[in-house]
PDB file of N, CA and C in Angstrom:
ATOM      1  N   MET A   1      -1.685   2.880  21.377  1.00  0.00           N
ATOM      2  CA  MET A   1      -0.645   2.253  20.590  1.00  0.00           C
ATOM      3  C   MET A   1      -1.270   1.654  19.321  1.00  0.00           C
ATOM      4  N   ALA A   2      -0.690   1.946  18.183  1.00  0.00           N
ATOM      5  CA  ALA A   2      -1.224   1.490  16.900  1.00  0.00           C
ATOM      6  C   ALA A   2      -0.582   0.169  16.494  1.00  0.00           C
ATOM      7  N   HIS A   3      -1.408  -0.734  16.025  1.00  0.00           N
ATOM      8  CA  HIS A   3      -0.938  -2.023  15.518  1.00  0.00           C
ATOM      9  C   HIS A   3      -1.240  -2.092  14.031  1.00  0.00           C
ATOM     10  N   THR A   4      -0.312  -2.664  13.288  1.00  0.00           N
ATOM     11  CA  THR A   4      -0.532  -2.853  11.864  1.00  0.00           C
ATOM     12  C   THR A   4      -0.981  -4.279  11.614  1.00  0.00           C
ATOM     13  N   LEU A   5      -2.052  -4.425  10.886  1.00  0.00           N
ATOM     14  CA  LEU A   5      -2.580  -5.745  10.537  1.00  0.00           C
ATOM     15  C   LEU A   5      -2.362  -5.978   9.041  1.00  0.00           C
ATOM     16  N   PRO A   6      -1.297  -6.680   8.662  1.00  0.00           N
ATOM     17  CA  PRO A   6      -0.974  -6.844   7.236  1.00  0.00           C
ATOM     18  C   PRO A   6      -1.919  -7.792   6.492  1.00  0.00           C
ATOM     19  N   ASP A   7      -2.735  -8.557   7.215  1.00  0.00           N
ATOM     20  CA  ASP A   7      -3.590  -9.539   6.553  1.00  0.00           C
ATOM     21  C   ASP A   7      -5.019  -9.056   6.319  1.00  0.00           C
ATOM     22  N   VAL A   8      -5.272  -7.754   6.411  1.00  0.00           N
ATOM     23  CA  VAL A   8      -6.602  -7.228   6.132  1.00  0.00           C
ATOM     24  C   VAL A   8      -6.871  -7.435   4.643  1.00  0.00           C
ATOM     25  N   ARG A   9      -8.019  -8.001   4.342  1.00  0.00           N
ATOM     26  CA  ARG A   9      -8.321  -8.348   2.946  1.00  0.00           C
ATOM     27  C   ARG A   9      -8.935  -7.182   2.186  1.00  0.00           C
ATOM     28  N   GLY A  10      -8.574  -7.115   0.923  1.00  0.00           N
ATOM     29  CA  GLY A  10      -9.122  -6.094   0.038  1.00  0.00           C
ATOM     30  C   GLY A  10     -10.268  -6.657  -0.785  1.00  0.00           C
ATOM     31  N   PRO A  11     -10.807  -5.875  -1.716  1.00  0.00           N
ATOM     32  CA  PRO A  11     -11.983  -6.266  -2.479  1.00  0.00           C
ATOM     33  C   PRO A  11     -11.733  -7.297  -3.577  1.00  0.00           C
ATOM     34  N   GLY A  12     -10.495  -7.627  -3.893  1.00  0.00           N
ATOM     35  CA  GLY A  12     -10.224  -8.607  -4.942  1.00  0.00           C
ATOM     36  C   GLY A  12     -10.230  -7.981  -6.326  1.00  0.00           C
ATOM     37  N   ILE A  13      -9.974  -8.807  -7.322  1.00  0.00           N
ATOM     38  CA  ILE A  13      -9.850  -8.326  -8.698  1.00  0.00           C
ATOM     39  C   ILE A  13     -10.917  -8.992  -9.561  1.00  0.00           C
ATOM     40  N   ASN A  14     -11.624  -8.190 -10.323  1.00  0.00           N
ATOM     41  CA  ASN A  14     -12.572  -8.674 -11.327  1.00  0.00           C
ATOM     42  C   ASN A  14     -12.182  -8.056 -12.658  1.00  0.00           C
ATOM     43  N   ASN A  15     -11.517  -8.845 -13.483  1.00  0.00           N
ATOM     44  CA  ASN A  15     -11.070  -8.346 -14.773  1.00  0.00           C
ATOM     45  C   ASN A  15     -11.418  -9.382 -15.834  1.00  0.00           C
ATOM     46  N   PHE A  16     -12.147  -8.953 -16.847  1.00  0.00           N
ATOM     47  CA  PHE A  16     -12.525  -9.862 -17.916  1.00  0.00           C
ATOM     48  C   PHE A  16     -12.097  -9.265 -19.251  1.00  0.00           C
ATOM     49  N   ASP A  17     -11.347 -10.045 -20.019  1.00  0.00           N
ATOM     50  CA  ASP A  17     -10.910  -9.666 -21.359  1.00  0.00           C
ATOM     51  C   ASP A  17     -11.572 -10.612 -22.356  1.00  0.00           C
ATOM     52  N   MET A  18     -11.784 -10.125 -23.573  1.00  0.00           N
ATOM     53  CA  MET A  18     -12.416 -10.953 -24.589  1.00  0.00           C
ATOM     54  C   MET A  18     -11.835 -10.593 -25.943  1.00  0.00           C
ATOM     55  N   SER A  19     -11.800 -11.577 -26.835  1.00  0.00           N
ATOM     56  CA  SER A  19     -11.380 -11.279 -28.195  1.00  0.00           C
ATOM     57  C   SER A  19     -12.274 -12.047 -29.165  1.00  0.00           C
ATOM     58  N   LEU A  20     -12.544 -11.425 -30.299  1.00  0.00           N
ATOM     59  CA  LEU A  20     -13.345 -12.029 -31.362  1.00  0.00           C
ATOM     60  C   LEU A  20     -12.519 -12.012 -32.639  1.00  0.00           C
ATOM     61  N   VAL A  21     -12.521 -13.130 -33.352  1.00  0.00           N
ATOM     62  CA  VAL A  21     -11.718 -13.254 -34.573  1.00  0.00           C
ATOM     63  C   VAL A  21     -12.591 -13.831 -35.676  1.00  0.00           C
ATOM     64  N   LYS A  22     -12.483 -13.250 -36.864  1.00  0.00           N
ATOM     65  CA  LYS A  22     -13.196 -13.758 -38.039  1.00  0.00           C
ATOM     66  C   LYS A  22     -12.200 -13.819 -39.189  1.00  0.00           C
ATOM     67  N   VAL A  23     -12.145 -14.967 -39.859  1.00  0.00           N
ATOM     68  CA  VAL A  23     -11.243 -15.160 -41.003  1.00  0.00           C
ATOM     69  C   VAL A  23     -12.079 -15.174 -42.271  1.00  0.00           C
ATOM     70  N   PHE A  24     -11.685 -14.345 -43.252  1.00  0.00           N
ATOM     71  CA  PHE A  24     -12.374 -14.257 -44.535  1.00  0.00           C
ATOM     72  C   PHE A  24     -11.450 -14.799 -45.626  1.00  0.00           C
ATOM     73  N   PRO A  25     -11.835 -15.881 -46.305  1.00  0.00           N
ATOM     74  CA  PRO A  25     -10.993 -16.378 -47.410  1.00  0.00           C
ATOM     75  C   PRO A  25     -11.120 -15.445 -48.622  1.00  0.00           C
ATOM     76  N   ILE A  26      -9.972 -15.086 -49.189  1.00  0.00           N
ATOM     77  CA  ILE A  26      -9.963 -14.215 -50.369  1.00  0.00           C
ATOM     78  C   ILE A  26      -9.683 -15.060 -51.609  1.00  0.00           C
ATOM     79  N   ARG A  27      -8.610 -15.839 -51.537  1.00  0.00           N
ATOM     80  CA  ARG A  27      -8.253 -16.818 -52.572  1.00  0.00           C
ATOM     81  C   ARG A  27      -7.871 -18.097 -51.862  1.00  0.00           C
ATOM     82  N   GLU A  28      -7.414 -19.080 -52.621  1.00  0.00           N
ATOM     83  CA  GLU A  28      -7.090 -20.378 -52.028  1.00  0.00           C
ATOM     84  C   GLU A  28      -6.054 -20.262 -50.902  1.00  0.00           C
ATOM     85  N   ARG A  29      -5.003 -19.476 -51.106  1.00  0.00           N
ATOM     86  CA  ARG A  29      -3.935 -19.372 -50.100  1.00  0.00           C
ATOM     87  C   ARG A  29      -3.860 -17.984 -49.465  1.00  0.00           C
ATOM     88  N   LEU A  30      -4.846 -17.159 -49.693  1.00  0.00           N
ATOM     89  CA  LEU A  30      -4.840 -15.795 -49.152  1.00  0.00           C
ATOM     90  C   LEU A  30      -6.099 -15.571 -48.317  1.00  0.00           C
ATOM     91  N   LYS A  31      -5.887 -15.123 -47.097  1.00  0.00           N
ATOM     92  CA  LYS A  31      -7.009 -14.899 -46.186  1.00  0.00           C
ATOM     93  C   LYS A  31      -6.846 -13.548 -45.500  1.00  0.00           C
ATOM     94  N   ALA A  32      -7.951 -12.971 -45.095  1.00  0.00           N
ATOM     95  CA  ALA A  32      -7.938 -11.752 -44.285  1.00  0.00           C
ATOM     96  C   ALA A  32      -8.496 -12.117 -42.909  1.00  0.00           C
ATOM     97  N   GLN A  33      -7.857 -11.605 -41.890  1.00  0.00           N
ATOM     98  CA  GLN A  33      -8.302 -11.879 -40.522  1.00  0.00           C
ATOM     99  C   GLN A  33      -8.662 -10.557 -39.860  1.00  0.00           C
ATOM    100  N   LEU A  34      -9.887 -10.485 -39.355  1.00  0.00           N
ATOM    101  CA  LEU A  34     -10.355  -9.306 -38.619  1.00  0.00           C
ATOM    102  C   LEU A  34     -10.436  -9.698 -37.154  1.00  0.00           C
ATOM    103  N   ARG A  35      -9.803  -8.909 -36.295  1.00  0.00           N
ATOM    104  CA  ARG A  35      -9.718  -9.239 -34.877  1.00  0.00           C
ATOM    105  C   ARG A  35     -10.135  -8.032 -34.051  1.00  0.00           C
ATOM    106  N   GLY A  36     -10.964  -8.285 -33.052  1.00  0.00           N
ATOM    107  CA  GLY A  36     -11.343  -7.265 -32.076  1.00  0.00           C
ATOM    108  C   GLY A  36     -10.978  -7.765 -30.693  1.00  0.00           C
ATOM    109  N   GLU A  37     -10.228  -6.980 -29.934  1.00  0.00           N
ATOM    110  CA  GLU A  37      -9.829  -7.351 -28.574  1.00  0.00           C
ATOM    111  C   GLU A  37     -10.371  -6.317 -27.602  1.00  0.00           C
ATOM    112  N   PHE A  38     -10.961  -6.791 -26.527  1.00  0.00           N
ATOM    113  CA  PHE A  38     -11.618  -5.926 -25.548  1.00  0.00           C
ATOM    114  C   PHE A  38     -10.997  -6.215 -24.184  1.00  0.00           C
ATOM    115  N   PHE A  39     -10.396  -5.202 -23.586  1.00  0.00           N
ATOM    116  CA  PHE A  39      -9.747  -5.345 -22.285  1.00  0.00           C
ATOM    117  C   PHE A  39     -10.608  -4.656 -21.231  1.00  0.00           C
ATOM    118  N   ASN A  40     -10.795  -5.330 -20.094  1.00  0.00           N
ATOM    119  CA  ASN A  40     -11.674  -4.858 -19.015  1.00  0.00           C
ATOM    120  C   ASN A  40     -13.066  -4.582 -19.587  1.00  0.00           C
ATOM    121  N   ILE A  41     -13.614  -5.606 -20.230  1.00  0.00           N
ATOM    122  CA  ILE A  41     -14.855  -5.446 -20.998  1.00  0.00           C
ATOM    123  C   ILE A  41     -16.035  -4.975 -20.152  1.00  0.00           C
ATOM    124  N   TRP A  42     -16.122  -5.359 -18.884  1.00  0.00           N
ATOM    125  CA  TRP A  42     -17.232  -4.926 -18.036  1.00  0.00           C
ATOM    126  C   TRP A  42     -16.926  -3.602 -17.341  1.00  0.00           C
ATOM    127  N   ASN A  43     -15.755  -3.025 -17.614  1.00  0.00           N
ATOM    128  CA  ASN A  43     -15.373  -1.691 -17.124  1.00  0.00           C
ATOM    129  C   ASN A  43     -15.418  -1.597 -15.593  1.00  0.00           C
ATOM    130  N   ARG A  44     -14.826  -2.572 -14.920  1.00  0.00           N
ATOM    131  CA  ARG A  44     -14.815  -2.601 -13.451  1.00  0.00           C
ATOM    132  C   ARG A  44     -13.563  -1.939 -12.904  1.00  0.00           C
ATOM    133  N   THR A  45     -13.736  -1.155 -11.868  1.00  0.00           N
ATOM    134  CA  THR A  45     -12.633  -0.456 -11.210  1.00  0.00           C
ATOM    135  C   THR A  45     -11.968  -1.385 -10.204  1.00  0.00           C
ATOM    136  N   GLN A  46     -10.647  -1.320 -10.108  1.00  0.00           N
ATOM    137  CA  GLN A  46      -9.902  -2.099  -9.114  1.00  0.00           C
ATOM    138  C   GLN A  46      -9.548  -1.154  -7.969  1.00  0.00           C
ATOM    139  N   PHE A  47     -10.068  -1.422  -6.789  1.00  0.00           N
ATOM    140  CA  PHE A  47      -9.811  -0.564  -5.643  1.00  0.00           C
ATOM    141  C   PHE A  47      -8.587  -1.027  -4.874  1.00  0.00           C
ATOM    142  N   ALA A  48      -7.953  -0.093  -4.177  1.00  0.00           N
ATOM    143  CA  ALA A  48      -6.783  -0.407  -3.352  1.00  0.00           C
ATOM    144  C   ALA A  48      -7.235  -1.171  -2.106  1.00  0.00           C
ATOM    145  N   ASN A  49      -6.272  -1.711  -1.375  1.00  0.00           N
ATOM    146  CA  ASN A  49      -6.579  -2.396  -0.119  1.00  0.00           C
ATOM    147  C   ASN A  49      -6.932  -1.373   0.955  1.00  0.00           C
ATOM    148  N   PRO A  50      -7.700  -1.789   1.957  1.00  0.00           N
ATOM    149  CA  PRO A  50      -8.060  -0.860   3.032  1.00  0.00           C
ATOM    150  C   PRO A  50      -6.868  -0.546   3.926  1.00  0.00           C
ATOM    151  N   GLY A  51      -6.996   0.523   4.718  1.00  0.00           N
ATOM    152  CA  GLY A  51      -5.955   0.887   5.670  1.00  0.00           C
ATOM    153  C   GLY A  51      -5.728  -0.229   6.680  1.00  0.00           C
ATOM    154  N   THR A  52      -4.475  -0.491   7.056  1.00  0.00           N
ATOM    155  CA  THR A  52      -4.157  -1.622   7.920  1.00  0.00           C
ATOM    156  C   THR A  52      -3.672  -1.226   9.305  1.00  0.00           C
ATOM    157  N   THR A  53      -3.629   0.068   9.630  1.00  0.00           N
ATOM    158  CA  THR A  53      -3.136   0.503  10.930  1.00  0.00           C
ATOM    159  C   THR A  53      -4.305   0.688  11.891  1.00  0.00           C
ATOM    160  N   GLN A  54      -4.365  -0.202  12.879  1.00  0.00           N
ATOM    161  CA  GLN A  54      -5.437  -0.164  13.872  1.00  0.00           C
ATOM    162  C   GLN A  54      -5.276   1.077  14.743  1.00  0.00           C
ATOM    163  N   GLY A  55      -6.350   1.774  15.015  1.00  0.00           N
ATOM    164  CA  GLY A  55      -6.293   2.998  15.804  1.00  0.00           C
ATOM    165  C   GLY A  55      -6.247   4.238  14.934  1.00  0.00           C
ATOM    166  N   ASN A  56      -5.979   4.077  13.651  1.00  0.00           N
ATOM    167  CA  ASN A  56      -5.951   5.169  12.691  1.00  0.00           C
ATOM    168  C   ASN A  56      -7.379   5.368  12.162  1.00  0.00           C
ATOM    169  N   ALA A  57      -7.732   6.600  11.840  1.00  0.00           N
ATOM    170  CA  ALA A  57      -9.074   6.887  11.320  1.00  0.00           C
ATOM    171  C   ALA A  57      -9.316   6.189   9.976  1.00  0.00           C
ATOM    172  N   GLN A  58      -8.260   5.851   9.244  1.00  0.00           N
ATOM    173  CA  GLN A  58      -8.387   5.203   7.940  1.00  0.00           C
ATOM    174  C   GLN A  58      -8.393   3.681   8.028  1.00  0.00           C
ATOM    175  N   PHE A  59      -8.394   3.105   9.235  1.00  0.00           N
ATOM    176  CA  PHE A  59      -8.370   1.653   9.381  1.00  0.00           C
ATOM    177  C   PHE A  59      -9.613   1.032   8.749  1.00  0.00           C
ATOM    178  N   GLY A  60      -9.401   0.111   7.828  1.00  0.00           N
ATOM    179  CA  GLY A  60     -10.507  -0.581   7.168  1.00  0.00           C
ATOM    180  C   GLY A  60     -11.194   0.215   6.083  1.00  0.00           C
ATOM    181  N   VAL A  61     -10.696   1.412   5.776  1.00  0.00           N
ATOM    182  CA  VAL A  61     -11.332   2.282   4.786  1.00  0.00           C
ATOM    183  C   VAL A  61     -10.558   2.211   3.469  1.00  0.00           C
ATOM    184  N   ILE A  62     -11.278   2.034   2.387  1.00  0.00           N
ATOM    185  CA  ILE A  62     -10.673   2.096   1.057  1.00  0.00           C
ATOM    186  C   ILE A  62     -10.874   3.509   0.565  1.00  0.00           C
ATOM    187  N   SER A  63      -9.784   4.258   0.480  1.00  0.00           N
ATOM    188  CA  SER A  63      -9.917   5.677   0.163  1.00  0.00           C
ATOM    189  C   SER A  63      -9.410   6.056  -1.223  1.00  0.00           C
ATOM    190  N   ASN A  64      -8.911   5.087  -1.987  1.00  0.00           N
ATOM    191  CA  ASN A  64      -8.437   5.420  -3.329  1.00  0.00           C
ATOM    192  C   ASN A  64      -8.498   4.200  -4.227  1.00  0.00           C
ATOM    193  N   ILE A  65      -8.193   4.457  -5.480  1.00  0.00           N
ATOM    194  CA  ILE A  65      -8.140   3.401  -6.480  1.00  0.00           C
ATOM    195  C   ILE A  65      -6.722   2.859  -6.484  1.00  0.00           C
ATOM    196  N   SER A  66      -6.579   1.584  -6.726  1.00  0.00           N
ATOM    197  CA  SER A  66      -5.279   0.925  -6.706  1.00  0.00           C
ATOM    198  C   SER A  66      -4.329   1.524  -7.737  1.00  0.00           C
ATOM    199  N   ASN A  67      -3.041   1.533  -7.418  1.00  0.00           N
ATOM    200  CA  ASN A  67      -2.029   1.972  -8.382  1.00  0.00           C
ATOM    201  C   ASN A  67      -1.961   1.007  -9.557  1.00  0.00           C
ATOM    202  N   ASP A  68      -2.352  -0.250  -9.314  1.00  0.00           N
ATOM    203  CA  ASP A  68      -2.348  -1.263 -10.358  1.00  0.00           C
ATOM    204  C   ASP A  68      -3.712  -1.382 -11.018  1.00  0.00           C
ATOM    205  N   ALA A  69      -4.523  -0.352 -10.859  1.00  0.00           N
ATOM    206  CA  ALA A  69      -5.896  -0.418 -11.364  1.00  0.00           C
ATOM    207  C   ALA A  69      -5.913  -0.586 -12.872  1.00  0.00           C
ATOM    208  N   ASN A  70      -6.892  -1.346 -13.325  1.00  0.00           N
ATOM    209  CA  ASN A  70      -7.093  -1.466 -14.761  1.00  0.00           C
ATOM    210  C   ASN A  70      -7.626  -0.147 -15.274  1.00  0.00           C
ATOM    211  N   PRO A  71      -7.169   0.271 -16.426  1.00  0.00           N
ATOM    212  CA  PRO A  71      -7.766   1.482 -17.004  1.00  0.00           C
ATOM    213  C   PRO A  71      -9.198   1.177 -17.436  1.00  0.00           C
ATOM    214  N   ALA A  72      -9.894   2.193 -17.847  1.00  0.00           N
ATOM    215  CA  ALA A  72     -11.252   1.988 -18.343  1.00  0.00           C
ATOM    216  C   ALA A  72     -11.216   1.033 -19.528  1.00  0.00           C
ATOM    217  N   ARG A  73     -12.365   0.578 -19.938  1.00  0.00           N
ATOM    218  CA  ARG A  73     -12.455  -0.373 -21.050  1.00  0.00           C
ATOM    219  C   ARG A  73     -11.618   0.102 -22.236  1.00  0.00           C
ATOM    220  N   GLN A  74     -10.883  -0.836 -22.833  1.00  0.00           N
ATOM    221  CA  GLN A  74     -10.081  -0.522 -24.017  1.00  0.00           C
ATOM    222  C   GLN A  74     -10.466  -1.491 -25.135  1.00  0.00           C
ATOM    223  N   VAL A  75     -10.541  -0.970 -26.334  1.00  0.00           N
ATOM    224  CA  VAL A  75     -10.877  -1.778 -27.502  1.00  0.00           C
ATOM    225  C   VAL A  75      -9.770  -1.607 -28.527  1.00  0.00           C
ATOM    226  N   GLN A  76      -9.378  -2.719 -29.137  1.00  0.00           N
ATOM    227  CA  GLN A  76      -8.329  -2.668 -30.149  1.00  0.00           C
ATOM    228  C   GLN A  76      -8.782  -3.528 -31.335  1.00  0.00           C
ATOM    229  N   LEU A  77      -8.683  -2.977 -32.524  1.00  0.00           N
ATOM    230  CA  LEU A  77      -9.081  -3.680 -33.744  1.00  0.00           C
ATOM    231  C   LEU A  77      -7.875  -3.881 -34.623  1.00  0.00           C
ATOM    232  N   ALA A  78      -7.845  -5.018 -35.355  1.00  0.00           N
ATOM    233  CA  ALA A  78      -6.725  -5.309 -36.247  1.00  0.00           C
ATOM    234  C   ALA A  78      -7.251  -6.012 -37.496  1.00  0.00           C
ATOM    235  N   LEU A  79      -6.632  -5.727 -38.608  1.00  0.00           N
ATOM    236  CA  LEU A  79      -6.909  -6.402 -39.867  1.00  0.00           C
ATOM    237  C   LEU A  79      -5.588  -6.920 -40.395  1.00  0.00           C
ATOM    238  N   LYS A  80      -5.539  -8.213 -40.701  1.00  0.00           N
ATOM    239  CA  LYS A  80      -4.274  -8.842 -41.078  1.00  0.00           C
ATOM    240  C   LYS A  80      -4.513  -9.728 -42.295  1.00  0.00           C
ATOM    241  N   THR A  81      -3.529  -9.791 -43.181  1.00  0.00           N
ATOM    242  CA  THR A  81      -3.589 -10.735 -44.307  1.00  0.00           C
ATOM    243  C   THR A  81      -2.681 -11.918 -43.986  1.00  0.00           C
ATOM    244  N   VAL A  82      -3.177 -13.100 -44.269  1.00  0.00           N
ATOM    245  CA  VAL A  82      -2.434 -14.328 -44.017  1.00  0.00           C
ATOM    246  C   VAL A  82      -2.237 -15.015 -45.365  1.00  0.00           C
ATOM    247  N   PHE A  83      -0.971 -15.312 -45.707  1.00  0.00           N
ATOM    248  CA  PHE A  83      -0.702 -15.994 -46.982  1.00  0.00           C
ATOM    249  C   PHE A  83       0.287 -17.093 -46.804  1.00  0.00           C
TER     250      PHE A  83
END
């Protein structure tokens, strides 16, 4: 007889994002802002939770990546004028 254990713990989430901003004055009231944003900067994979059905061959096994997994590292750059 198979039992389902809903409280089996998964590996957790490690996600680090970072952004860098530099403001360059052009004139007294005009500035340029350069921004770099980095998502999942350490490029860590988010794994799914392990199988929870006791007696099943997949019990306790993590066999895939989570549906909510972070994509690979993403970088986004922006240049903006502020007046």
